[in-house]
C-alpha atoms as a PDB file:
ATOM      1  CA  MET A   1      28.705 -46.735-219.742  1.00  0.00           C
ATOM      2  CA  LYS A   2      28.291 -45.903-216.045  1.00  0.00           C
ATOM      3  CA  ARG A   3      24.763 -47.286-216.214  1.00  0.00           C
ATOM      4  CA  LEU A   4      26.092 -50.571-217.561  1.00  0.00           C
ATOM      5  CA  TYR A   5      28.556 -50.858-214.686  1.00  0.00           C
ATOM      6  CA  ALA A   6      25.760 -50.059-212.246  1.00  0.00           C
ATOM      7  CA  LEU A   7      23.613 -52.858-213.702  1.00  0.00           C
ATOM      8  CA  LEU A   8      26.424 -55.405-213.786  1.00  0.00           C
ATOM      9  CA  PRO A   9      25.817 -56.780-210.236  1.00  0.00           C
ATOM     10  CA  VAL A  10      22.104 -57.137-210.969  1.00  0.00           C
ATOM     11  CA  LEU A  11      22.716 -58.912-214.263  1.00  0.00           C
ATOM     12  CA  CYS A  12      25.371 -61.252-212.830  1.00  0.00           C
ATOM     13  CA  ALA A  13      23.486 -62.197-209.635  1.00  0.00           C
ATOM     14  CA  PRO A  14      21.605 -65.116-211.251  1.00  0.00           C
ATOM     15  CA  LEU A  15      24.872 -66.513-212.608  1.00  0.00           C
ATOM     16  CA  LEU A  16      26.502 -66.347-209.193  1.00  0.00           C
ATOM     17  CA  ALA A  17      23.486 -68.008-207.570  1.00  0.00           C
ATOM     18  CA  GLN A  18      23.724 -70.880-210.048  1.00  0.00           C
ATOM     19  CA  ALA A  19      27.397 -71.334-209.243  1.00  0.00           C
ATOM     20  CA  ASP A  20      26.461 -71.895-205.582  1.00  0.00           C
ATOM     21  CA  ALA A  21      23.842 -74.533-206.443  1.00  0.00           C
ATOM     22  CA  PRO A  22      24.744 -78.013-205.193  1.00  0.00           C
ATOM     23  CA  ALA A  23      25.884 -80.638-207.671  1.00  0.00           C
ATOM     24  CA  VAL A  24      23.787 -83.294-205.912  1.00  0.00           C
ATOM     25  CA  ILE A  25      20.392 -82.975-204.265  1.00  0.00           C
ATOM     26  CA  LYS A  26      18.812 -85.207-201.677  1.00  0.00           C
ATOM     27  CA  ILE A  27      15.441 -86.589-202.665  1.00  0.00           C
ATOM     28  CA  PRO A  28      13.183 -88.180-200.038  1.00  0.00           C
ATOM     29  CA  ARG A  29      12.055 -91.679-200.996  1.00  0.00           C
ATOM     30  CA  LEU A  30       9.159 -93.784-199.796  1.00  0.00           C
ATOM     31  CA  THR A  31      10.472 -96.997-198.257  1.00  0.00           C
ATOM     32  CA  LEU A  32       9.295-100.481-199.115  1.00  0.00           C
ATOM     33  CA  GLU A  33       8.198-100.947-195.503  1.00  0.00           C
ATOM     34  CA  ALA A  34       6.036 -97.801-195.541  1.00  0.00           C
ATOM     35  CA  SER A  35       4.598 -98.832-198.913  1.00  0.00           C
ATOM     36  CA  GLU A  36       3.656-102.270-197.580  1.00  0.00           C
ATOM     37  CA  LYS A  37       2.112-100.802-194.433  1.00  0.00           C
ATOM     38  CA  LEU A  38       0.065 -98.365-196.527  1.00  0.00           C
ATOM     39  CA  ALA A  39      -1.143-101.088-198.897  1.00  0.00           C
ATOM     40  CA  GLN A  40      -2.136-103.443-196.054  1.00  0.00           C
ATOM     41  CA  ALA A  41      -3.978-100.660-194.204  1.00  0.00           C
ATOM     42  CA  THR A  42      -5.821 -99.697-197.404  1.00  0.00           C
ATOM     43  CA  ILE A  43      -6.972-103.294-197.964  1.00  0.00           C
ATOM     44  CA  ALA A  44      -8.092-103.494-194.312  1.00  0.00           C
ATOM     45  CA  ALA A  45     -10.068-100.253-194.607  1.00  0.00           C
ATOM     46  CA  CYS A  46     -11.976-101.516-197.636  1.00  0.00           C
ATOM     47  CA  ARG A  47     -12.583-104.918-196.043  1.00  0.00           C
ATOM     48  CA  LYS A  48     -14.285-103.144-193.125  1.00  0.00           C
ATOM     49  CA  GLU A  49     -16.695-101.722-195.707  1.00  0.00           C
ATOM     50  CA  GLY A  50     -17.182-105.132-197.311  1.00  0.00           C
ATOM     51  CA  VAL A  51     -15.290-104.161-200.462  1.00  0.00           C
ATOM     52  CA  GLN A  52     -12.610-106.206-202.235  1.00  0.00           C
ATOM     53  CA  ILE A  53     -10.033-103.989-203.937  1.00  0.00           C
ATOM     54  CA  SER A  54      -6.618-103.820-205.512  1.00  0.00           C
ATOM     55  CA  VAL A  55      -4.125-101.246-204.261  1.00  0.00           C
ATOM     56  CA  THR A  56      -0.902-100.059-205.838  1.00  0.00           C
ATOM     57  CA  VAL A  57       1.686 -97.819-204.183  1.00  0.00           C
ATOM     58  CA  VAL A  58       4.107 -96.116-206.576  1.00  0.00           C
ATOM     59  CA  ASP A  59       7.291 -94.150-205.949  1.00  0.00           C
ATOM     60  CA  ARG A  60       7.820 -90.547-207.021  1.00  0.00           C
ATOM     61  CA  SER A  61       8.624 -91.706-210.575  1.00  0.00           C
ATOM     62  CA  GLY A  62       5.380 -93.645-210.869  1.00  0.00           C
ATOM     63  CA  ASP A  63       7.041 -97.047-210.650  1.00  0.00           C
ATOM     64  CA  PRO A  64       5.193 -99.614-208.520  1.00  0.00           C
ATOM     65  CA  MET A  65       6.620-100.309-205.059  1.00  0.00           C
ATOM     66  CA  VAL A  66       3.841-102.554-203.741  1.00  0.00           C
ATOM     67  CA  PHE A  67       0.751-104.102-205.245  1.00  0.00           C
ATOM     68  CA  LEU A  68      -1.942-106.109-203.444  1.00  0.00           C
ATOM     69  CA  ARG A  69      -5.178-107.603-204.777  1.00  0.00           C
ATOM     70  CA  ASP A  70      -7.696-108.829-202.276  1.00  0.00           C
ATOM     71  CA  THR A  71      -9.005-112.352-202.744  1.00  0.00           C
ATOM     72  CA  LEU A  72     -12.177-111.531-204.657  1.00  0.00           C
ATOM     73  CA  ALA A  73     -11.144-108.288-206.367  1.00  0.00           C
ATOM     74  CA  PRO A  74     -11.683-108.524-210.129  1.00  0.00           C
ATOM     75  CA  ARG A  75      -8.646-108.758-212.407  1.00  0.00           C
ATOM     76  CA  VAL A  76      -9.422-105.386-214.023  1.00  0.00           C
ATOM     77  CA  THR A  77      -8.707-103.669-210.696  1.00  0.00           C
ATOM     78  CA  ILE A  78      -5.024-104.591-210.963  1.00  0.00           C
ATOM     79  CA  GLU A  79      -4.218-102.261-213.850  1.00  0.00           C
ATOM     80  CA  LEU A  80      -6.702 -99.586-212.769  1.00  0.00           C
ATOM     81  CA  SER A  81      -5.129 -99.243-209.322  1.00  0.00           C
ATOM     82  CA  ARG A  82      -1.690 -98.869-210.917  1.00  0.00           C
ATOM     83  CA  GLN A  83      -2.922 -96.271-213.401  1.00  0.00           C
ATOM     84  CA  LYS A  84      -4.665 -94.283-210.665  1.00  0.00           C
ATOM     85  CA  ALA A  85      -1.480 -94.163-208.580  1.00  0.00           C
ATOM     86  CA  TYR A  86       0.624 -93.298-211.646  1.00  0.00           C
ATOM     87  CA  THR A  87      -1.702 -90.446-212.617  1.00  0.00           C
ATOM     88  CA  ALA A  88      -1.899 -89.057-209.066  1.00  0.00           C
ATOM     89  CA  VAL A  89       1.887 -88.934-208.689  1.00  0.00           C
ATOM     90  CA  ASN A  90       2.420 -87.360-212.098  1.00  0.00           C
ATOM     91  CA  PHE A  91      -0.188 -84.649-211.552  1.00  0.00           C
ATOM     92  CA  ASN A  92       0.509 -84.368-207.799  1.00  0.00           C
ATOM     93  CA  ALA A  93      -3.201 -84.203-207.100  1.00  0.00           C
ATOM     94  CA  ARG A  94      -6.049 -86.317-205.802  1.00  0.00           C
ATOM     95  CA  LEU A  95      -7.829 -87.744-208.821  1.00  0.00           C
ATOM     96  CA  SER A  96     -11.157 -86.678-207.364  1.00  0.00           C
ATOM     97  CA  ALA A  97      -9.948 -83.092-207.830  1.00  0.00           C
ATOM     98  CA  LEU A  98      -8.958 -83.760-211.441  1.00  0.00           C
ATOM     99  CA  GLU A  99     -11.705 -86.062-212.653  1.00  0.00           C
ATOM    100  CA  ASN A 100     -14.071 -83.409-214.007  1.00  0.00           C
ATOM    101  CA  ASN A 101     -11.617 -80.593-214.664  1.00  0.00           C
ATOM    102  CA  ILE A 102      -8.513 -81.953-216.340  1.00  0.00           C
ATOM    103  CA  THR A 103     -10.231 -83.710-219.215  1.00  0.00           C
ATOM    104  CA  ARG A 104     -11.981 -80.490-220.219  1.00  0.00           C
ATOM    105  CA  LEU A 105      -8.737 -78.527-220.199  1.00  0.00           C
ATOM    106  CA  PHE A 106      -6.178 -80.918-221.673  1.00  0.00           C
ATOM    107  CA  PRO A 107      -6.293 -83.875-224.064  1.00  0.00           C
ATOM    108  CA  VAL A 108      -4.223 -86.000-221.657  1.00  0.00           C
ATOM    109  CA  TRP A 109      -6.792 -88.762-221.435  1.00  0.00           C
ATOM    110  CA  SER A 110      -5.257 -90.169-224.601  1.00  0.00           C
ATOM    111  CA  VAL A 111      -1.836 -90.662-222.948  1.00  0.00           C
ATOM    112  CA  ASP A 112      -1.159 -94.322-222.189  1.00  0.00           C
ATOM    113  CA  GLY A 113      -1.157 -95.131-218.489  1.00  0.00           C
ATOM    114  CA  LEU A 114      -3.218 -92.142-217.334  1.00  0.00           C
ATOM    115  CA  VAL A 115      -6.703 -92.545-215.920  1.00  0.00           C
ATOM    116  CA  PHE A 116      -8.819 -89.781-214.417  1.00  0.00           C
ATOM    117  CA  THR A 117     -11.246 -91.595-212.161  1.00  0.00           C
ATOM    118  CA  THR A 118     -11.365 -91.026-208.419  1.00  0.00           C
ATOM    119  CA  GLY A 119      -9.209 -93.321-206.291  1.00  0.00           C
ATOM    120  CA  GLY A 120      -5.643 -92.023-206.540  1.00  0.00           C
ATOM    121  CA  ILE A 121      -3.897 -89.820-203.959  1.00  0.00           C
ATOM    122  CA  PRO A 122      -0.345 -88.436-203.984  1.00  0.00           C
ATOM    123  CA  ILE A 123       1.866 -89.042-200.941  1.00  0.00           C
ATOM    124  CA  GLU A 124       3.917 -86.167-199.522  1.00  0.00           C
ATOM    125  CA  ALA A 125       6.673 -86.102-196.927  1.00  0.00           C
ATOM    126  CA  ALA A 126       8.768 -83.135-195.820  1.00  0.00           C
ATOM    127  CA  GLY A 127       7.146 -80.983-198.491  1.00  0.00           C
ATOM    128  CA  ASN A 128       8.101 -83.376-201.296  1.00  0.00           C
ATOM    129  CA  ILE A 129       6.013 -85.793-203.291  1.00  0.00           C
ATOM    130  CA  VAL A 130       7.341 -89.280-202.551  1.00  0.00           C
ATOM    131  CA  GLY A 131       4.746 -91.412-204.307  1.00  0.00           C
ATOM    132  CA  ALA A 132       1.055 -92.118-204.654  1.00  0.00           C
ATOM    133  CA  VAL A 133      -1.525 -94.728-203.790  1.00  0.00           C
ATOM    134  CA  GLY A 134      -4.155 -95.975-206.224  1.00  0.00           C
ATOM    135  CA  VAL A 135      -7.210 -98.059-205.334  1.00  0.00           C
ATOM    136  CA  SER A 136      -9.716 -99.820-207.575  1.00  0.00           C
ATOM    137  CA  GLY A 137     -12.631-102.134-206.860  1.00  0.00           C
ATOM    138  CA  SER A 138     -15.510-100.010-205.655  1.00  0.00           C
ATOM    139  CA  THR A 139     -16.959 -96.621-206.473  1.00  0.00           C
ATOM    140  CA  GLY A 140     -14.304 -93.971-206.965  1.00  0.00           C
ATOM    141  CA  GLU A 141     -15.389 -92.246-203.767  1.00  0.00           C
ATOM    142  CA  GLN A 142     -15.061 -95.476-201.760  1.00  0.00           C
ATOM    143  CA  ASP A 143     -11.701 -96.211-203.396  1.00  0.00           C
ATOM    144  CA  GLU A 144     -10.422 -92.798-202.303  1.00  0.00           C
ATOM    145  CA  ALA A 145     -11.853 -93.182-198.808  1.00  0.00           C
ATOM    146  CA  CYS A 146      -9.949 -96.461-198.389  1.00  0.00           C
ATOM    147  CA  ALA A 147      -6.751 -94.824-199.657  1.00  0.00           C
ATOM    148  CA  ARG A 148      -7.174 -91.966-197.152  1.00  0.00           C
ATOM    149  CA  GLU A 149      -7.654 -94.484-194.341  1.00  0.00           C
ATOM    150  CA  GLY A 150      -4.582 -96.401-195.488  1.00  0.00           C
ATOM    151  CA  LEU A 151      -2.511 -93.210-195.450  1.00  0.00           C
ATOM    152  CA  LYS A 152      -3.348 -92.758-191.770  1.00  0.00           C
ATOM    153  CA  ALA A 153      -1.217 -95.847-191.051  1.00  0.00           C
ATOM    154  CA  ILE A 154       1.932 -94.007-192.181  1.00  0.00           C
ATOM    155  CA  ALA A 155       0.874 -90.423-191.404  1.00  0.00           C
ATOM    156  CA  PHE A 156       3.222 -90.040-188.435  1.00  0.00           C
ATOM    157  CA  ASP A 157       6.189 -91.336-190.454  1.00  0.00           C
ATOM    158  CA  LEU A 158       5.389 -88.918-193.287  1.00  0.00           C
ATOM    159  CA  GLU A 159       4.903 -85.953-190.956  1.00  0.00           C
ATOM    160  CA  SER A 160       8.134 -86.608-189.073  1.00  0.00           C
ATOM    161  CA  ALA A 161      10.245 -87.120-192.216  1.00  0.00           C
ATOM    162  CA  SER A 162      13.096 -84.655-192.476  1.00  0.00           C
ATOM    163  CA  PRO A 163      13.640 -82.662-195.678  1.00  0.00           C
END
């Protein structure tokens, strides 16, 4: 019985820690203004390379915040850019890192809305995922390069975000 009493603080510690947990948590959100700036900068980066693309910026839930399609970008790029952003935010990974690995490990390619081709990058601020950007219209590598360039336009804002 003495052993049980000795273990009681150890066994109850997790319960006490849960009691101190806040009832509400603050979640950083990507603003519309930052989303627009990112999308415009991504389009500009691809235009410099002579490429017409579509770009979609999604929030942390995968819901679109901003979508832009350049003048000559094919219609198919609309949905592909959204799916790339949606997949990147849900897996919290660059799609170029997942493209060859994830499909061998998991049968997720059959889930509606997911696409595992390069061109999607998650967006982080203050150590939290706040969204993702997806680009379609060129090679996957070029799509990702344009997304990386677009992210530079809001890099300072993301780095200076408070938790």
